[in-house]
Amino acid sequence: MSDHAQVMRTLLRRHARTYAAEAGIRLKNTPQPLYRTLVLADLLSARIRASVAVATSRALHEAGLRDPRRMADATWQQRVDALGEGGYRRYDERTATQLGDGARLLLDEWSGDLRNLREEADGDAGELGALLRRTPGLGPTGVTIFLREVQDVWPEFAPFLDAKAVEGAERLGLPRDCAALIRLAGDTPRAELAAALVRAALDRKVVEDCLAR
C-alpha cells in the first residue's frame, strides 16, 4: 500500500464523519434535515469553534427549533436562549434575528422546503449559491459548508471538495487534485471524505494522528 493510500485509509477510518452527523442530523433529501443542515452551515461559518456550532445545532433541535415554521414562530428570546444553551453566546443576538428572518424567507419563497430551492437552481451550483445567499447571515463560506455536507443527497453538486478540504489534503501530504483524492477514498461517501479533509485543515492533531500511524 502506498504512503498516500495509508494516510487516506487512516484519515477515513478515524475522522470521516460529517458535521451534520456529529450534530445528530440524519441527512436525507427531506425538508427537516436539510433545513437543520442549512442552519448548521450558518453556525459553522462564524469565527467560532466547530464543536460549539455543533453543540448549538443540537441545542436548537432540543428546543424544538428544528424546522422553518417553528423557528419563525419562536420568539427572539427563545432563539437567543437556545443559542446560548449551545454556547453560541458571542453572536447569539444577531444570529437569533437572522435565524428568524431566514426561516420566514424560506417559508415565503420556497414553502419552507429547500428542495424547492434546489429545483429552482436546476443543477447550477452558482445559481444555488446565489439563492442560498439570500438567507440572512449566510455568506459564501456558509454556502460552501452546506454544499459540502449535502453533496451525497444532492449528487448533481458532487464531488464537492472546496479549498478548505484541499488545504487539509496538503497538510496530510496528499495530492491536491480532487480526482486523485476521490480515487484514494474509493467508495467513501463524498461528504465524509470532504469532512475528514476539512478536519485535517482545522486541527493539527488530526494530521499528527494520521501521519503517526
Foldseek 3Di string as FASTA:
>chain_A
DDLQLLLLVLLLVPQLDFLLVLLVQPDAQWQQSLVLLLQLLLLVLDPDDNQLSSLLSNLCVVLVVRFLVSLLPDDLVSQLVSSVVSVNNVCSNVVSVLSNVLSVCCCVPPVRGCVSLVVVCVLPLVSSQVVSVVRPSQDPSSSLSSCLQCCQNVVSSPPRADPLLLQLCVLLVHDSDPVRLPVSNDPPPNSSSNRSSNCSSVDVVSSVSSSVD
